[in-house]
C-alpha atoms as a PDB file:
ATOM      1  CA  MET A   1     195.520  36.218 200.493  1.00  0.00           C
ATOM      2  CA  LYS A   2     198.221  38.515 198.915  1.00  0.00           C
ATOM      3  CA  ALA A   3     199.621  37.664 195.439  1.00  0.00           C
ATOM      4  CA  LYS A   4     202.949  36.707 196.972  1.00  0.00           C
ATOM      5  CA  GLU A   5     201.560  34.377 199.755  1.00  0.00           C
ATOM      6  CA  LYS A   6     201.985  30.808 199.418  1.00  0.00           C
ATOM      7  CA  THR A   7     199.644  28.005 200.636  1.00  0.00           C
ATOM      8  CA  ASP A   8     202.150  25.717 202.250  1.00  0.00           C
ATOM      9  CA  LYS A   9     199.650  24.075 204.837  1.00  0.00           C
ATOM     10  CA  PRO A  10     199.480  20.396 204.903  1.00  0.00           C
ATOM     11  CA  GLY A  11     197.444  19.121 202.252  1.00  0.00           C
ATOM     12  CA  SER A  12     197.548  22.250 200.153  1.00  0.00           C
ATOM     13  CA  THR A  13     197.614  22.241 196.355  1.00  0.00           C
ATOM     14  CA  GLY A  14     199.434  25.588 196.126  1.00  0.00           C
ATOM     15  CA  PHE A  15     196.259  27.010 194.383  1.00  0.00           C
ATOM     16  CA  PRO A  16     194.365  29.895 196.046  1.00  0.00           C
ATOM     17  CA  ALA A  17     191.314  28.623 197.807  1.00  0.00           C
ATOM     18  CA  CYS A  18     189.231  31.725 197.663  1.00  0.00           C
ATOM     19  CA  ALA A  19     189.682  35.455 197.210  1.00  0.00           C
ATOM     20  CA  GLN A  20     189.108  38.636 198.875  1.00  0.00           C
ATOM     21  CA  LYS A  21     186.448  40.705 197.207  1.00  0.00           C
ATOM     22  CA  ASP A  22     188.846  43.458 196.120  1.00  0.00           C
ATOM     23  CA  GLU A  23     191.486  40.903 194.589  1.00  0.00           C
ATOM     24  CA  LEU A  24     189.116  39.165 192.190  1.00  0.00           C
ATOM     25  CA  SER A  25     188.728  41.099 188.758  1.00  0.00           C
ATOM     26  CA  ILE A  26     185.898  40.279 186.368  1.00  0.00           C
ATOM     27  CA  ASN A  27     185.445  41.543 182.878  1.00  0.00           C
ATOM     28  CA  ARG A  28     182.626  40.578 180.544  1.00  0.00           C
ATOM     29  CA  ARG A  29     182.585  40.801 176.984  1.00  0.00           C
ATOM     30  CA  ASN A  30     180.448  37.698 175.514  1.00  0.00           C
ATOM     31  CA  LEU A  31     182.305  35.577 177.921  1.00  0.00           C
ATOM     32  CA  PRO A  32     183.274  36.339 181.566  1.00  0.00           C
ATOM     33  CA  HIS A  33     187.316  36.832 182.280  1.00  0.00           C
ATOM     34  CA  TRP A  34     188.085  36.328 185.830  1.00  0.00           C
ATOM     35  CA  GLN A  35     191.586  37.448 187.075  1.00  0.00           C
ATOM     36  CA  LEU A  36     192.797  36.590 190.559  1.00  0.00           C
ATOM     37  CA  PRO A  37     196.455  37.273 191.559  1.00  0.00           C
ATOM     38  CA  GLY A  38     198.545  34.333 191.908  1.00  0.00           C
ATOM     39  CA  SER A  39     196.232  32.193 189.824  1.00  0.00           C
ATOM     40  CA  THR A  40     197.198  29.628 186.919  1.00  0.00           C
ATOM     41  CA  TYR A  41     194.937  29.958 184.011  1.00  0.00           C
ATOM     42  CA  PHE A  42     193.764  27.355 181.128  1.00  0.00           C
ATOM     43  CA  ILE A  43     193.378  29.364 178.040  1.00  0.00           C
ATOM     44  CA  THR A  44     192.064  28.519 174.464  1.00  0.00           C
ATOM     45  CA  PHE A  45     192.174  30.858 171.433  1.00  0.00           C
ATOM     46  CA  ARG A  46     190.613  30.043 168.121  1.00  0.00           C
ATOM     47  CA  LEU A  47     191.204  31.019 164.583  1.00  0.00           C
ATOM     48  CA  LYS A  48     188.347  32.923 162.790  1.00  0.00           C
ATOM     49  CA  SER A  49     188.380  30.302 160.116  1.00  0.00           C
ATOM     50  CA  GLY A  50     190.412  27.818 158.259  1.00  0.00           C
ATOM     51  CA  ILE A  51     193.644  26.292 159.481  1.00  0.00           C
ATOM     52  CA  ILE A  52     197.300  27.210 159.899  1.00  0.00           C
ATOM     53  CA  THR A  53     200.178  25.385 158.321  1.00  0.00           C
ATOM     54  CA  GLU A  54     202.946  23.890 160.308  1.00  0.00           C
ATOM     55  CA  ASP A  55     205.387  26.723 159.648  1.00  0.00           C
ATOM     56  CA  GLU A  56     202.560  29.081 160.981  1.00  0.00           C
ATOM     57  CA  ARG A  57     201.917  26.677 164.110  1.00  0.00           C
ATOM     58  CA  ARG A  58     205.683  27.232 164.810  1.00  0.00           C
ATOM     59  CA  ILE A  59     205.187  31.085 164.631  1.00  0.00           C
ATOM     60  CA  VAL A  60     202.321  30.884 167.213  1.00  0.00           C
ATOM     61  CA  LEU A  61     204.284  28.287 169.611  1.00  0.00           C
ATOM     62  CA  ASP A  62     207.335  30.649 169.283  1.00  0.00           C
ATOM     63  CA  ALA A  63     205.054  33.654 170.221  1.00  0.00           C
ATOM     64  CA  MET A  64     203.901  31.598 173.419  1.00  0.00           C
ATOM     65  CA  LYS A  65     207.371  30.949 174.390  1.00  0.00           C
ATOM     66  CA  HIS A  66     208.800  34.431 173.854  1.00  0.00           C
ATOM     67  CA  PHE A  67     207.845  36.038 177.307  1.00  0.00           C
ATOM     68  CA  HIS A  68     208.043  32.694 179.260  1.00  0.00           C
ATOM     69  CA  GLN A  69     209.720  33.739 182.685  1.00  0.00           C
ATOM     70  CA  ILE A  70     209.230  37.514 181.846  1.00  0.00           C
ATOM     71  CA  ARG A  71     205.603  38.060 181.660  1.00  0.00           C
ATOM     72  CA  TYR A  72     204.323  34.605 182.379  1.00  0.00           C
ATOM     73  CA  TRP A  73     205.152  31.110 183.282  1.00  0.00           C
ATOM     74  CA  VAL A  74     203.948  28.417 180.750  1.00  0.00           C
ATOM     75  CA  THR A  75     203.647  25.064 181.917  1.00  0.00           C
ATOM     76  CA  THR A  76     202.071  23.491 178.769  1.00  0.00           C
ATOM     77  CA  ALA A  77     201.396  25.064 175.277  1.00  0.00           C
ATOM     78  CA  LEU A  78     199.981  23.421 172.372  1.00  0.00           C
ATOM     79  CA  VAL A  79     199.178  24.721 168.688  1.00  0.00           C
ATOM     80  CA  MET A  80     196.560  22.857 166.837  1.00  0.00           C
ATOM     81  CA  PRO A  81     195.746  23.690 163.275  1.00  0.00           C
ATOM     82  CA  ASP A  82     192.629  25.540 164.210  1.00  0.00           C
ATOM     83  CA  HIS A  83     193.178  26.477 167.819  1.00  0.00           C
ATOM     84  CA  ALA A  84     195.587  26.943 170.702  1.00  0.00           C
ATOM     85  CA  HIS A  85     195.892  25.917 174.379  1.00  0.00           C
ATOM     86  CA  VAL A  86     198.039  27.086 177.156  1.00  0.00           C
ATOM     87  CA  ILE A  87     198.441  26.642 180.925  1.00  0.00           C
ATOM     88  CA  LEU A  88     200.235  29.734 182.355  1.00  0.00           C
ATOM     89  CA  LYS A  89     200.542  31.942 185.312  1.00  0.00           C
ATOM     90  CA  PRO A  90     201.401  35.483 184.971  1.00  0.00           C
ATOM     91  CA  VAL A  91     204.499  36.832 186.665  1.00  0.00           C
ATOM     92  CA  VAL A  92     204.169  39.102 189.642  1.00  0.00           C
ATOM     93  CA  PHE A  93     206.561  42.226 189.307  1.00  0.00           C
ATOM     94  CA  LYS A  94     208.373  43.779 192.088  1.00  0.00           C
ATOM     95  CA  SER A  95     205.429  46.286 192.560  1.00  0.00           C
ATOM     96  CA  GLU A  96     203.396  42.919 193.458  1.00  0.00           C
ATOM     97  CA  MET A  97     201.184  43.702 190.283  1.00  0.00           C
ATOM     98  CA  GLU A  98     200.598  40.777 187.729  1.00  0.00           C
ATOM     99  CA  TYR A  99     201.008  41.341 184.124  1.00  0.00           C
ATOM    100  CA  PRO A 100     197.435  41.469 182.970  1.00  0.00           C
ATOM    101  CA  LEU A 101     195.944  38.316 181.168  1.00  0.00           C
ATOM    102  CA  SER A 102     194.258  40.514 178.436  1.00  0.00           C
ATOM    103  CA  LYS A 103     198.017  41.974 177.549  1.00  0.00           C
ATOM    104  CA  ILE A 104     199.492  38.469 177.558  1.00  0.00           C
ATOM    105  CA  LEU A 105     196.934  37.175 175.071  1.00  0.00           C
ATOM    106  CA  GLN A 106     197.199  40.524 172.998  1.00  0.00           C
ATOM    107  CA  GLY A 107     200.882  39.943 172.610  1.00  0.00           C
ATOM    108  CA  ILE A 108     200.797  36.303 171.722  1.00  0.00           C
ATOM    109  CA  LYS A 109     197.750  36.590 169.041  1.00  0.00           C
ATOM    110  CA  GLY A 110     198.863  39.940 167.822  1.00  0.00           C
ATOM    111  CA  TYR A 111     202.440  39.002 167.195  1.00  0.00           C
ATOM    112  CA  SER A 112     201.402  35.567 165.713  1.00  0.00           C
ATOM    113  CA  ALA A 113     198.788  37.142 163.587  1.00  0.00           C
ATOM    114  CA  ARG A 114     201.210  39.823 162.135  1.00  0.00           C
ATOM    115  CA  GLU A 115     203.899  37.317 161.425  1.00  0.00           C
ATOM    116  CA  ILE A 116     201.546  34.853 159.628  1.00  0.00           C
ATOM    117  CA  ASN A 117     199.874  37.564 157.798  1.00  0.00           C
ATOM    118  CA  LYS A 118     203.233  38.798 156.664  1.00  0.00           C
ATOM    119  CA  ALA A 119     204.195  35.238 155.623  1.00  0.00           C
ATOM    120  CA  ARG A 120     200.887  34.832 153.738  1.00  0.00           C
ATOM    121  CA  GLY A 121     200.930  38.237 151.950  1.00  0.00           C
ATOM    122  CA  SER A 122     197.536  39.013 153.636  1.00  0.00           C
ATOM    123  CA  LYS A 123     195.916  41.395 156.121  1.00  0.00           C
ATOM    124  CA  GLY A 124     193.184  41.068 158.639  1.00  0.00           C
ATOM    125  CA  SER A 125     192.246  39.469 161.886  1.00  0.00           C
ATOM    126  CA  LEU A 126     193.334  35.725 162.095  1.00  0.00           C
ATOM    127  CA  TRP A 127     192.178  35.061 165.382  1.00  0.00           C
ATOM    128  CA  GLN A 128     188.630  35.118 166.988  1.00  0.00           C
ATOM    129  CA  GLU A 129     188.401  38.258 169.069  1.00  0.00           C
ATOM    130  CA  GLU A 130     187.539  36.732 172.498  1.00  0.00           C
ATOM    131  CA  SER A 131     189.525  33.761 174.022  1.00  0.00           C
ATOM    132  CA  PHE A 132     188.354  31.291 176.674  1.00  0.00           C
ATOM    133  CA  ASP A 133     190.176  31.538 179.923  1.00  0.00           C
ATOM    134  CA  ARG A 134     189.599  29.765 183.271  1.00  0.00           C
ATOM    135  CA  ILE A 135     191.284  29.909 186.607  1.00  0.00           C
ATOM    136  CA  VAL A 136     192.690  26.536 187.534  1.00  0.00           C
ATOM    137  CA  ARG A 137     191.054  25.951 190.944  1.00  0.00           C
ATOM    138  CA  ASP A 138     193.188  22.919 192.348  1.00  0.00           C
ATOM    139  CA  HIS A 139     195.523  20.395 191.499  1.00  0.00           C
ATOM    140  CA  ASP A 140     193.058  17.951 190.148  1.00  0.00           C
ATOM    141  CA  GLU A 141     191.754  20.437 187.710  1.00  0.00           C
ATOM    142  CA  TYR A 142     195.279  21.345 186.717  1.00  0.00           C
ATOM    143  CA  LEU A 143     195.989  17.698 185.845  1.00  0.00           C
ATOM    144  CA  GLU A 144     192.774  17.571 183.914  1.00  0.00           C
ATOM    145  CA  LYS A 145     193.509  20.340 181.850  1.00  0.00           C
ATOM    146  CA  TRP A 146     197.210  19.310 181.286  1.00  0.00           C
ATOM    147  CA  ASN A 147     195.933  15.732 180.196  1.00  0.00           C
ATOM    148  CA  TYR A 148     193.578  17.492 177.947  1.00  0.00           C
ATOM    149  CA  ILE A 149     195.835  19.661 176.097  1.00  0.00           C
ATOM    150  CA  ARG A 150     198.736  16.817 175.949  1.00  0.00           C
ATOM    151  CA  ASN A 151     196.048  14.429 174.407  1.00  0.00           C
ATOM    152  CA  ASN A 152     194.445  16.764 171.939  1.00  0.00           C
ATOM    153  CA  PRO A 153     196.629  16.032 169.030  1.00  0.00           C
ATOM    154  CA  VAL A 154     196.560  12.203 169.653  1.00  0.00           C
ATOM    155  CA  LYS A 155     192.534  12.483 169.893  1.00  0.00           C
ATOM    156  CA  THR A 156     192.331  14.238 166.516  1.00  0.00           C
ATOM    157  CA  GLY A 157     194.803  11.757 164.806  1.00  0.00           C
ATOM    158  CA  LEU A 158     197.714  14.166 164.363  1.00  0.00           C
ATOM    159  CA  CYS A 159     200.071  11.815 166.185  1.00  0.00           C
ATOM    160  CA  GLN A 160     200.240   8.639 168.146  1.00  0.00           C
ATOM    161  CA  SER A 161     201.726  10.030 171.487  1.00  0.00           C
ATOM    162  CA  PRO A 162     201.851  13.516 172.799  1.00  0.00           C
ATOM    163  CA  GLU A 163     205.663  13.643 172.737  1.00  0.00           C
ATOM    164  CA  GLU A 164     205.373  13.070 168.927  1.00  0.00           C
ATOM    165  CA  TYR A 165     203.564  16.371 168.401  1.00  0.00           C
ATOM    166  CA  PRO A 166     206.074  19.177 167.418  1.00  0.00           C
ATOM    167  CA  PHE A 167     203.712  21.908 168.422  1.00  0.00           C
ATOM    168  CA  LEU A 168     203.462  20.837 172.035  1.00  0.00           C
ATOM    169  CA  TRP A 169     205.747  22.547 174.496  1.00  0.00           C
ATOM    170  CA  GLU A 170     206.186  21.714 178.168  1.00  0.00           C
ATOM    171  CA  PRO A 171     208.830  23.642 180.139  1.00  0.00           C
ATOM    172  CA  GLY A 172     207.303  22.642 183.508  1.00  0.00           C
ATOM    173  CA  GLU A 173     206.267  24.237 186.750  1.00  0.00           C
ATOM    174  CA  PRO A 174     207.427  27.543 187.807  1.00  0.00           C
ATOM    175  CA  ILE A 175     210.144  27.514 190.657  1.00  0.00           C
ATOM    176  CA  GLU A 176     208.561  28.769 193.971  1.00  0.00           C
ATOM    177  CA  GLU A 177     210.781  31.211 195.957  1.00  0.00           C
END
């Protein structure tokens, strides 16, 4: 299946069912990181220690928003006091190459760490080096991850409903051509 191919068959979820051997990229540090062209990802990244303030959470959310529709399409993003979640799909360029997931996370985490450190008057790493990322395999899993993200601030007592939480952003689904 090529990156631009759609799965518009009856009953299709729009998610790739399987990959050709040469399409799937697997990198490993402590965790495996799989990248498959055309995939949507559920991503979590955590602070090294401590928590971030509301102003700092806004910096992180703004960093996630910055390249929305340029390098990736965000469907849901959430910043909690000690971690962040995002569901996104890398954008495919005219060359039919995707913007790499590692570069997307490097941009979000790097920019937000620099800005937060600048505001704090501190230096050093803010985020854990490695993030958790998972290819969302089908529509049911997408809904599970979406609900998990939305309910995270409710479950931890930060708000009564997801819509009340100021660090949840849901621009919606990408428009398919």
